[in-house]
């Protein structure tokens, strides 16, 4: 399935667990969250997970992080739509970065796809359903559009910067040697 591993060994599970812990920390403890908007740097460990494990396992890891975060630090009622978002976001990062170097092109593309699919289509739909607010309400769209305009360049720059800083090739070589 897309050249990914069918199972994970102990080293991979441990690495994924550390990245999941980072995701929970960045999302639930260090992220800024209101009823209708969330800003966090969760995408950083998600990108690393995507580089190492591919779309499927990164999606699964993101779902696990979502469940752990909701279990330990719930700020709103559980809603399955956000868990679907978590899987899709992880899968998107896995698709763009698994066995690939981080370039300007895939940095910008991954940010645009996650922004459009997750932040501008699915999340407003889930919020409207969850809080019984009309989908065209300014309460949903005003902060979301402001965040989008500011956050797209910030996230794309950070994502590209990660490509230059992270020892991606050495990590992949280490993971291949361990298997």
N, C-alpha and C. Protein backbone atom coordinates (compact mmCIF):
# COMPACT_ATOMS: atom_id res chain seq x y z
N UNK A 1 0.85 -1.17 0.00
CA UNK A 1 0.00 0.00 0.00
C UNK A 1 0.89 1.24 0.00
N UNK A 2 1.09 1.87 -1.18
CA UNK A 2 1.91 3.06 -1.35
C UNK A 2 3.33 2.88 -0.85
N UNK A 3 3.85 1.66 -0.86
CA UNK A 3 5.23 1.41 -0.46
C UNK A 3 5.49 1.57 1.02
N UNK A 4 4.45 1.48 1.83
CA UNK A 4 4.64 1.68 3.26
C UNK A 4 4.76 0.35 3.99
N UNK A 5 5.22 0.43 5.22
CA UNK A 5 5.38 -0.76 6.05
C UNK A 5 4.00 -1.26 6.47
N UNK A 6 3.87 -2.58 6.52
CA UNK A 6 2.61 -3.15 6.98
C UNK A 6 2.54 -3.20 8.49
N UNK A 7 3.69 -3.25 9.13
CA UNK A 7 3.74 -3.24 10.59
C UNK A 7 4.92 -2.39 11.03
N UNK A 8 4.90 -2.01 12.28
CA UNK A 8 5.97 -1.18 12.83
C UNK A 8 6.76 -1.99 13.85
N UNK A 9 8.08 -1.82 13.85
CA UNK A 9 8.91 -2.50 14.84
C UNK A 9 8.98 -1.63 16.11
N UNK A 10 9.66 -2.12 17.12
CA UNK A 10 9.72 -1.43 18.41
C UNK A 10 10.33 -0.04 18.28
N UNK A 11 11.37 0.07 17.47
CA UNK A 11 12.01 1.38 17.29
C UNK A 11 11.06 2.37 16.63
N UNK A 12 10.33 1.92 15.63
CA UNK A 12 9.37 2.79 14.95
C UNK A 12 8.24 3.20 15.88
N UNK A 13 7.75 2.25 16.67
CA UNK A 13 6.67 2.55 17.62
C UNK A 13 7.15 3.57 18.65
N UNK A 14 8.37 3.42 19.13
CA UNK A 14 8.92 4.35 20.11
C UNK A 14 9.07 5.74 19.51
N UNK A 15 9.58 5.80 18.28
CA UNK A 15 9.72 7.09 17.60
C UNK A 15 8.36 7.73 17.40
N UNK A 16 7.41 6.94 16.95
CA UNK A 16 6.07 7.47 16.73
C UNK A 16 5.46 7.96 18.05
N UNK A 17 5.68 7.22 19.14
CA UNK A 17 5.15 7.62 20.45
C UNK A 17 5.71 8.97 20.88
N UNK A 18 6.99 9.19 20.65
CA UNK A 18 7.59 10.49 21.00
C UNK A 18 6.98 11.61 20.15
N UNK A 19 6.79 11.35 18.89
CA UNK A 19 6.18 12.36 18.02
C UNK A 19 4.73 12.62 18.41
N UNK A 20 4.00 11.58 18.80
CA UNK A 20 2.63 11.74 19.28
C UNK A 20 2.61 12.60 20.54
N UNK A 21 3.54 12.34 21.46
CA UNK A 21 3.64 13.14 22.69
C UNK A 21 3.91 14.61 22.35
N UNK A 22 4.77 14.84 21.36
CA UNK A 22 5.03 16.22 20.92
C UNK A 22 3.77 16.85 20.34
N UNK A 23 3.02 16.08 19.57
CA UNK A 23 1.79 16.60 18.98
C UNK A 23 0.78 16.99 20.05
N UNK A 24 0.62 16.13 21.05
CA UNK A 24 -0.32 16.43 22.13
C UNK A 24 0.12 17.68 22.88
N UNK A 25 1.41 17.78 23.17
CA UNK A 25 1.93 18.94 23.90
C UNK A 25 1.75 20.22 23.09
N UNK A 26 2.14 20.19 21.82
CA UNK A 26 2.03 21.39 20.99
C UNK A 26 0.57 21.79 20.75
N UNK A 27 -0.30 20.81 20.65
CA UNK A 27 -1.71 21.09 20.38
C UNK A 27 -2.47 21.52 21.62
N UNK A 28 -2.38 20.73 22.65
CA UNK A 28 -3.25 20.93 23.82
C UNK A 28 -2.67 21.84 24.89
N UNK A 29 -1.36 21.86 25.03
CA UNK A 29 -0.77 22.68 26.10
C UNK A 29 -0.20 24.00 25.59
N UNK A 30 0.39 23.99 24.40
CA UNK A 30 1.03 25.20 23.89
C UNK A 30 0.24 25.88 22.78
N UNK A 31 -0.80 25.22 22.29
CA UNK A 31 -1.62 25.81 21.23
C UNK A 31 -2.58 26.84 21.78
N UNK A 32 -2.99 27.74 20.92
CA UNK A 32 -4.00 28.75 21.27
C UNK A 32 -5.31 28.28 20.68
N UNK A 33 -6.33 28.19 21.54
CA UNK A 33 -7.59 27.61 21.08
C UNK A 33 -8.77 28.39 21.63
N UNK A 34 -9.69 28.70 20.72
CA UNK A 34 -10.98 29.27 21.12
C UNK A 34 -12.05 28.29 20.63
N UNK A 35 -13.28 28.63 20.84
CA UNK A 35 -14.36 27.75 20.43
C UNK A 35 -14.36 27.51 18.92
N UNK A 36 -13.97 28.53 18.13
CA UNK A 36 -14.06 28.43 16.69
C UNK A 36 -12.72 28.47 15.95
N UNK A 37 -11.61 28.53 16.69
CA UNK A 37 -10.31 28.64 16.02
C UNK A 37 -9.21 28.03 16.88
N UNK A 38 -8.24 27.42 16.21
CA UNK A 38 -7.10 26.82 16.90
C UNK A 38 -5.83 27.13 16.12
N UNK A 39 -4.79 27.54 16.84
CA UNK A 39 -3.49 27.80 16.24
C UNK A 39 -2.46 27.02 17.05
N UNK A 40 -1.72 26.15 16.37
CA UNK A 40 -0.68 25.39 17.05
C UNK A 40 0.40 24.99 16.05
N UNK A 41 1.50 24.50 16.58
CA UNK A 41 2.61 24.05 15.75
C UNK A 41 2.65 22.52 15.66
N UNK A 42 1.50 21.89 15.77
CA UNK A 42 1.39 20.44 15.69
C UNK A 42 1.89 19.90 14.36
N UNK A 43 1.83 20.73 13.34
CA UNK A 43 2.26 20.27 12.01
C UNK A 43 3.74 19.87 11.99
N UNK A 44 4.56 20.39 12.90
CA UNK A 44 5.99 20.07 12.88
C UNK A 44 6.23 18.58 13.17
N UNK A 45 5.76 18.02 14.30
CA UNK A 45 5.96 16.58 14.48
C UNK A 45 5.18 15.75 13.46
N UNK A 46 4.06 16.28 12.96
CA UNK A 46 3.31 15.56 11.93
C UNK A 46 4.12 15.43 10.64
N UNK A 47 4.85 16.48 10.28
CA UNK A 47 5.69 16.43 9.09
C UNK A 47 6.81 15.40 9.29
N UNK A 48 7.42 15.41 10.47
CA UNK A 48 8.48 14.44 10.76
C UNK A 48 7.92 13.03 10.69
N UNK A 49 6.74 12.83 11.26
CA UNK A 49 6.11 11.52 11.21
C UNK A 49 5.81 11.14 9.76
N UNK A 50 5.33 12.09 8.99
CA UNK A 50 5.05 11.84 7.58
C UNK A 50 6.30 11.44 6.81
N UNK A 51 7.43 12.08 7.12
CA UNK A 51 8.70 11.76 6.46
C UNK A 51 9.13 10.33 6.76
N UNK A 52 8.91 9.91 7.99
CA UNK A 52 9.40 8.60 8.43
C UNK A 52 8.44 7.45 8.18
N UNK A 53 7.13 7.70 8.26
CA UNK A 53 6.17 6.59 8.27
C UNK A 53 5.16 6.57 7.13
N UNK A 54 5.03 7.62 6.38
CA UNK A 54 4.10 7.63 5.26
C UNK A 54 2.69 8.03 5.65
N UNK A 55 1.81 8.10 4.64
CA UNK A 55 0.46 8.62 4.86
C UNK A 55 -0.38 7.84 5.86
N UNK A 56 -0.42 6.52 5.72
CA UNK A 56 -1.30 5.72 6.58
C UNK A 56 -0.89 5.81 8.04
N UNK A 57 0.37 5.52 8.34
CA UNK A 57 0.81 5.51 9.74
C UNK A 57 0.81 6.90 10.35
N UNK A 58 1.07 7.92 9.54
CA UNK A 58 1.01 9.29 10.06
C UNK A 58 -0.44 9.65 10.38
N UNK A 59 -1.36 9.22 9.53
CA UNK A 59 -2.78 9.42 9.84
C UNK A 59 -3.19 8.72 11.12
N UNK A 60 -2.74 7.48 11.29
CA UNK A 60 -3.04 6.73 12.51
C UNK A 60 -2.42 7.41 13.73
N UNK A 61 -1.16 7.83 13.61
CA UNK A 61 -0.49 8.54 14.71
C UNK A 61 -1.21 9.82 15.08
N UNK A 62 -1.71 10.54 14.09
CA UNK A 62 -2.45 11.77 14.35
C UNK A 62 -3.77 11.50 15.06
N UNK A 63 -4.42 10.40 14.69
CA UNK A 63 -5.67 10.01 15.37
C UNK A 63 -5.37 9.64 16.83
N UNK A 64 -4.30 8.90 17.06
CA UNK A 64 -3.92 8.54 18.43
C UNK A 64 -3.63 9.80 19.24
N UNK A 65 -2.91 10.76 18.65
CA UNK A 65 -2.63 12.02 19.34
C UNK A 65 -3.93 12.76 19.66
N UNK A 66 -4.88 12.73 18.73
CA UNK A 66 -6.18 13.37 18.96
C UNK A 66 -6.91 12.72 20.13
N UNK A 67 -6.95 11.39 20.15
CA UNK A 67 -7.62 10.68 21.25
C UNK A 67 -6.95 10.95 22.59
N UNK A 68 -5.62 10.91 22.62
CA UNK A 68 -4.90 11.17 23.88
C UNK A 68 -5.15 12.60 24.32
N UNK A 69 -5.04 13.54 23.40
CA UNK A 69 -5.27 14.94 23.74
C UNK A 69 -6.67 15.18 24.27
N UNK A 70 -7.66 14.58 23.62
CA UNK A 70 -9.04 14.72 24.10
C UNK A 70 -9.24 14.06 25.45
N UNK A 71 -8.59 12.93 25.67
CA UNK A 71 -8.74 12.21 26.94
C UNK A 71 -8.11 12.98 28.10
N UNK A 72 -6.95 13.57 27.85
CA UNK A 72 -6.22 14.23 28.93
C UNK A 72 -6.53 15.71 29.08
N UNK A 73 -6.79 16.39 27.98
CA UNK A 73 -6.92 17.85 28.02
C UNK A 73 -8.10 18.34 27.18
N UNK A 74 -9.25 17.77 27.39
CA UNK A 74 -10.42 18.15 26.59
C UNK A 74 -10.78 19.61 26.86
N UNK A 75 -10.95 20.36 25.77
CA UNK A 75 -11.36 21.76 25.88
C UNK A 75 -12.76 21.96 25.30
N UNK A 76 -13.27 20.91 24.68
CA UNK A 76 -14.60 20.93 24.07
C UNK A 76 -15.09 19.48 24.04
N UNK A 77 -16.37 19.28 23.78
CA UNK A 77 -16.86 17.91 23.67
C UNK A 77 -16.20 17.18 22.49
N UNK A 78 -16.07 15.86 22.62
CA UNK A 78 -15.51 15.07 21.54
C UNK A 78 -16.44 15.13 20.34
N UNK A 79 -15.85 15.27 19.16
CA UNK A 79 -16.61 15.26 17.91
C UNK A 79 -15.78 14.51 16.88
N UNK A 80 -16.34 13.47 16.30
CA UNK A 80 -15.60 12.57 15.41
C UNK A 80 -15.05 13.29 14.18
N UNK A 81 -15.68 14.37 13.77
CA UNK A 81 -15.20 15.12 12.61
C UNK A 81 -13.77 15.59 12.77
N UNK A 82 -13.41 16.02 13.99
CA UNK A 82 -12.05 16.51 14.21
C UNK A 82 -11.04 15.35 14.20
N UNK A 83 -11.50 14.16 14.56
CA UNK A 83 -10.65 12.98 14.47
C UNK A 83 -10.42 12.61 13.00
N UNK A 84 -11.45 12.77 12.19
CA UNK A 84 -11.29 12.57 10.74
C UNK A 84 -10.29 13.59 10.20
N UNK A 85 -10.41 14.85 10.65
CA UNK A 85 -9.44 15.88 10.25
C UNK A 85 -8.02 15.46 10.62
N UNK A 86 -7.85 14.93 11.82
CA UNK A 86 -6.52 14.52 12.28
C UNK A 86 -5.94 13.46 11.34
N UNK A 87 -6.75 12.46 11.00
CA UNK A 87 -6.25 11.41 10.10
C UNK A 87 -5.88 12.00 8.74
N UNK A 88 -6.77 12.81 8.19
CA UNK A 88 -6.51 13.38 6.86
C UNK A 88 -5.28 14.28 6.86
N UNK A 89 -5.13 15.08 7.89
CA UNK A 89 -3.97 15.96 7.95
C UNK A 89 -2.67 15.15 8.01
N UNK A 90 -2.65 14.12 8.85
CA UNK A 90 -1.48 13.25 8.91
C UNK A 90 -1.22 12.57 7.58
N UNK A 91 -2.28 12.09 6.94
CA UNK A 91 -2.13 11.43 5.64
C UNK A 91 -1.61 12.39 4.58
N UNK A 92 -2.07 13.63 4.63
CA UNK A 92 -1.60 14.63 3.66
C UNK A 92 -0.10 14.88 3.84
N UNK A 93 0.34 15.05 5.09
CA UNK A 93 1.77 15.26 5.33
C UNK A 93 2.58 14.02 4.93
N UNK A 94 2.05 12.85 5.21
CA UNK A 94 2.72 11.63 4.78
C UNK A 94 2.84 11.55 3.27
N UNK A 95 1.78 11.94 2.58
CA UNK A 95 1.79 11.92 1.12
C UNK A 95 2.86 12.87 0.56
N UNK A 96 2.93 14.07 1.10
CA UNK A 96 3.84 15.07 0.57
C UNK A 96 5.31 14.86 0.97
N UNK A 97 5.55 14.18 2.11
CA UNK A 97 6.92 14.15 2.62
C UNK A 97 7.53 12.75 2.79
N UNK A 98 6.76 11.68 2.62
CA UNK A 98 7.31 10.34 2.78
C UNK A 98 8.29 10.04 1.66
N UNK A 99 9.52 9.72 2.04
CA UNK A 99 10.59 9.40 1.10
C UNK A 99 10.87 10.55 0.13
N UNK A 100 10.60 11.78 0.58
CA UNK A 100 10.83 12.96 -0.26
C UNK A 100 11.52 14.03 0.58
N UNK A 101 12.34 14.80 -0.07
CA UNK A 101 12.93 15.94 0.61
C UNK A 101 11.90 17.06 0.67
N UNK A 102 12.05 17.92 1.66
CA UNK A 102 11.15 19.06 1.78
C UNK A 102 11.67 20.17 0.86
N UNK A 103 10.85 20.54 -0.12
CA UNK A 103 11.20 21.61 -1.06
C UNK A 103 10.17 22.73 -0.90
N UNK A 104 10.45 23.87 -1.55
CA UNK A 104 9.45 24.95 -1.52
C UNK A 104 8.14 24.46 -2.11
N UNK A 105 8.24 23.71 -3.20
CA UNK A 105 7.03 23.25 -3.88
C UNK A 105 6.16 22.38 -2.97
N UNK A 106 6.74 21.32 -2.38
CA UNK A 106 5.88 20.46 -1.55
C UNK A 106 5.54 21.11 -0.21
N UNK A 107 6.34 22.06 0.25
CA UNK A 107 5.99 22.82 1.47
C UNK A 107 4.72 23.62 1.22
N UNK A 108 4.73 24.39 0.14
CA UNK A 108 3.58 25.24 -0.18
C UNK A 108 2.36 24.39 -0.52
N UNK A 109 2.56 23.34 -1.31
CA UNK A 109 1.43 22.48 -1.68
C UNK A 109 0.80 21.81 -0.46
N UNK A 110 1.63 21.30 0.46
CA UNK A 110 1.07 20.63 1.64
C UNK A 110 0.29 21.61 2.50
N UNK A 111 0.81 22.82 2.64
CA UNK A 111 0.11 23.84 3.43
C UNK A 111 -1.21 24.24 2.76
N UNK A 112 -1.19 24.41 1.45
CA UNK A 112 -2.42 24.78 0.75
C UNK A 112 -3.46 23.67 0.82
N UNK A 113 -3.05 22.42 0.63
CA UNK A 113 -4.01 21.32 0.69
C UNK A 113 -4.61 21.19 2.09
N UNK A 114 -3.77 21.21 3.13
CA UNK A 114 -4.32 21.10 4.49
C UNK A 114 -5.20 22.31 4.82
N UNK A 115 -4.80 23.49 4.38
CA UNK A 115 -5.60 24.68 4.66
C UNK A 115 -6.96 24.60 3.98
N UNK A 116 -6.96 24.24 2.70
CA UNK A 116 -8.23 24.20 1.97
C UNK A 116 -9.11 23.06 2.47
N UNK A 117 -8.57 21.84 2.50
CA UNK A 117 -9.40 20.67 2.86
C UNK A 117 -9.80 20.68 4.34
N UNK A 118 -8.83 20.89 5.22
CA UNK A 118 -9.10 20.78 6.66
C UNK A 118 -9.67 22.08 7.22
N UNK A 119 -8.95 23.18 7.03
CA UNK A 119 -9.30 24.42 7.71
C UNK A 119 -10.43 25.22 7.06
N UNK A 120 -10.59 25.09 5.75
CA UNK A 120 -11.61 25.90 5.08
C UNK A 120 -12.83 25.11 4.60
N UNK A 121 -12.74 23.79 4.58
CA UNK A 121 -13.91 22.99 4.18
C UNK A 121 -14.45 22.19 5.36
N UNK A 122 -13.63 21.26 5.88
CA UNK A 122 -14.15 20.34 6.90
C UNK A 122 -14.37 20.99 8.27
N UNK A 123 -13.40 21.73 8.76
CA UNK A 123 -13.55 22.32 10.11
C UNK A 123 -14.77 23.24 10.21
N UNK A 124 -15.00 24.15 9.26
CA UNK A 124 -16.23 24.95 9.35
C UNK A 124 -17.50 24.11 9.33
N UNK A 125 -17.47 23.04 8.54
CA UNK A 125 -18.63 22.14 8.51
C UNK A 125 -18.85 21.49 9.88
N UNK A 126 -17.76 20.98 10.50
CA UNK A 126 -17.88 20.34 11.81
C UNK A 126 -18.34 21.36 12.86
N UNK A 127 -17.79 22.57 12.83
CA UNK A 127 -18.17 23.59 13.81
C UNK A 127 -19.65 23.96 13.66
N UNK A 128 -20.11 24.10 12.43
CA UNK A 128 -21.53 24.40 12.19
C UNK A 128 -22.42 23.30 12.73
N UNK A 129 -22.02 22.05 12.48
CA UNK A 129 -22.80 20.92 12.98
C UNK A 129 -22.75 20.84 14.50
N UNK A 130 -21.59 21.01 15.06
CA UNK A 130 -21.37 20.82 16.49
C UNK A 130 -22.06 21.90 17.33
N UNK A 131 -21.95 23.14 16.88
CA UNK A 131 -22.47 24.26 17.67
C UNK A 131 -23.77 24.83 17.12
N UNK A 132 -24.35 24.19 16.11
CA UNK A 132 -25.62 24.62 15.52
C UNK A 132 -25.57 26.09 15.09
N UNK A 133 -24.48 26.42 14.41
CA UNK A 133 -24.27 27.77 13.88
C UNK A 133 -24.39 27.65 12.36
N UNK A 134 -25.04 28.61 11.72
CA UNK A 134 -25.12 28.54 10.25
C UNK A 134 -23.72 28.50 9.63
N UNK A 135 -23.56 27.72 8.59
CA UNK A 135 -22.26 27.56 7.94
C UNK A 135 -21.73 28.87 7.36
N UNK A 136 -22.60 29.80 7.07
CA UNK A 136 -22.17 31.09 6.52
C UNK A 136 -21.99 32.15 7.60
N UNK A 137 -21.95 31.77 8.86
CA UNK A 137 -21.84 32.72 9.97
C UNK A 137 -20.46 33.36 10.03
N UNK A 138 -20.43 34.64 10.29
CA UNK A 138 -19.15 35.37 10.44
C UNK A 138 -18.38 34.84 11.65
N UNK A 139 -19.06 34.25 12.62
CA UNK A 139 -18.40 33.71 13.81
C UNK A 139 -17.42 32.60 13.41
N UNK A 140 -17.78 31.83 12.41
CA UNK A 140 -16.91 30.77 11.91
C UNK A 140 -15.86 31.34 10.96
N UNK A 141 -16.27 32.22 10.06
CA UNK A 141 -15.40 32.61 8.95
C UNK A 141 -14.46 33.77 9.23
N UNK A 142 -14.84 34.75 10.00
CA UNK A 142 -13.96 35.92 10.22
C UNK A 142 -12.61 35.51 10.81
N UNK A 143 -12.57 34.84 11.95
CA UNK A 143 -11.26 34.47 12.50
C UNK A 143 -10.52 33.45 11.62
N UNK A 144 -11.25 32.58 10.96
CA UNK A 144 -10.66 31.54 10.12
C UNK A 144 -9.95 32.15 8.91
N UNK A 145 -10.57 33.12 8.28
CA UNK A 145 -9.96 33.75 7.11
C UNK A 145 -8.75 34.61 7.49
N UNK A 146 -8.85 35.31 8.61
CA UNK A 146 -7.70 36.09 9.09
C UNK A 146 -6.54 35.16 9.40
N UNK A 147 -6.82 34.06 10.11
CA UNK A 147 -5.76 33.08 10.42
C UNK A 147 -5.15 32.54 9.13
N UNK A 148 -5.98 32.22 8.15
CA UNK A 148 -5.49 31.64 6.90
C UNK A 148 -4.51 32.57 6.20
N UNK A 149 -4.85 33.83 6.10
CA UNK A 149 -3.99 34.81 5.42
C UNK A 149 -2.65 34.94 6.13
N UNK A 150 -2.67 34.93 7.45
CA UNK A 150 -1.44 35.08 8.23
C UNK A 150 -0.66 33.76 8.30
N UNK A 151 -1.37 32.65 8.49
CA UNK A 151 -0.75 31.37 8.81
C UNK A 151 -0.14 30.66 7.61
N UNK A 152 -0.70 30.79 6.41
CA UNK A 152 -0.18 30.07 5.24
C UNK A 152 1.30 30.40 5.01
N UNK A 153 1.70 31.67 4.94
CA UNK A 153 3.13 31.91 4.72
C UNK A 153 4.00 31.48 5.90
N UNK A 154 3.52 31.66 7.11
CA UNK A 154 4.30 31.25 8.29
C UNK A 154 4.52 29.74 8.25
N UNK A 155 3.46 28.98 8.03
CA UNK A 155 3.57 27.53 8.03
C UNK A 155 4.43 27.04 6.86
N UNK A 156 4.29 27.64 5.70
CA UNK A 156 5.09 27.23 4.54
C UNK A 156 6.58 27.50 4.79
N UNK A 157 6.90 28.63 5.38
CA UNK A 157 8.30 28.97 5.67
C UNK A 157 8.87 28.02 6.72
N UNK A 158 8.12 27.76 7.78
CA UNK A 158 8.59 26.84 8.83
C UNK A 158 8.77 25.44 8.24
N UNK A 159 7.83 25.01 7.42
CA UNK A 159 7.92 23.68 6.80
C UNK A 159 9.17 23.58 5.93
N UNK A 160 9.41 24.58 5.10
CA UNK A 160 10.59 24.56 4.25
C UNK A 160 11.87 24.61 5.09
N UNK A 161 11.86 25.44 6.12
CA UNK A 161 13.01 25.55 7.02
C UNK A 161 13.33 24.19 7.65
N UNK A 162 12.30 23.43 8.02
CA UNK A 162 12.50 22.09 8.58
C UNK A 162 13.29 21.21 7.61
N UNK A 163 13.01 21.37 6.32
CA UNK A 163 13.71 20.57 5.32
C UNK A 163 15.20 20.82 5.30
N UNK A 164 15.60 22.03 5.62
CA UNK A 164 17.01 22.36 5.65
C UNK A 164 17.69 22.01 6.96
N UNK A 165 16.93 21.94 8.02
CA UNK A 165 17.48 21.70 9.35
C UNK A 165 17.48 20.23 9.74
N UNK A 166 16.42 19.52 9.38
CA UNK A 166 16.28 18.13 9.80
C UNK A 166 17.22 17.23 9.01
N UNK A 167 17.90 16.34 9.69
CA UNK A 167 18.79 15.40 8.99
C UNK A 167 17.98 14.25 8.38
N UNK A 168 17.11 14.60 7.43
CA UNK A 168 16.17 13.66 6.85
C UNK A 168 16.85 12.42 6.28
N UNK A 169 17.87 12.61 5.47
CA UNK A 169 18.52 11.46 4.81
C UNK A 169 19.16 10.53 5.83
N UNK A 170 19.76 11.08 6.88
CA UNK A 170 20.37 10.25 7.92
C UNK A 170 19.30 9.47 8.68
N UNK A 171 18.16 10.12 8.98
CA UNK A 171 17.08 9.42 9.68
C UNK A 171 16.57 8.24 8.87
N UNK A 172 16.32 8.49 7.60
CA UNK A 172 15.80 7.43 6.73
C UNK A 172 16.82 6.30 6.64
N UNK A 173 18.10 6.64 6.50
CA UNK A 173 19.14 5.61 6.44
C UNK A 173 19.19 4.80 7.73
N UNK A 174 19.06 5.48 8.87
CA UNK A 174 19.04 4.78 10.16
C UNK A 174 17.84 3.87 10.29
N UNK A 175 16.69 4.32 9.83
CA UNK A 175 15.49 3.50 9.90
C UNK A 175 15.62 2.28 8.99
N UNK A 176 16.22 2.44 7.83
CA UNK A 176 16.40 1.32 6.91
C UNK A 176 17.39 0.31 7.50
N UNK A 177 18.47 0.81 8.10
CA UNK A 177 19.46 -0.08 8.72
C UNK A 177 18.88 -0.86 9.88
N UNK A 178 17.96 -0.25 10.61
CA UNK A 178 17.39 -0.91 11.80
C UNK A 178 16.43 -2.03 11.39
N UNK A 179 16.00 -2.04 10.16
CA UNK A 179 15.03 -3.05 9.73
C UNK A 179 15.72 -4.13 9.01
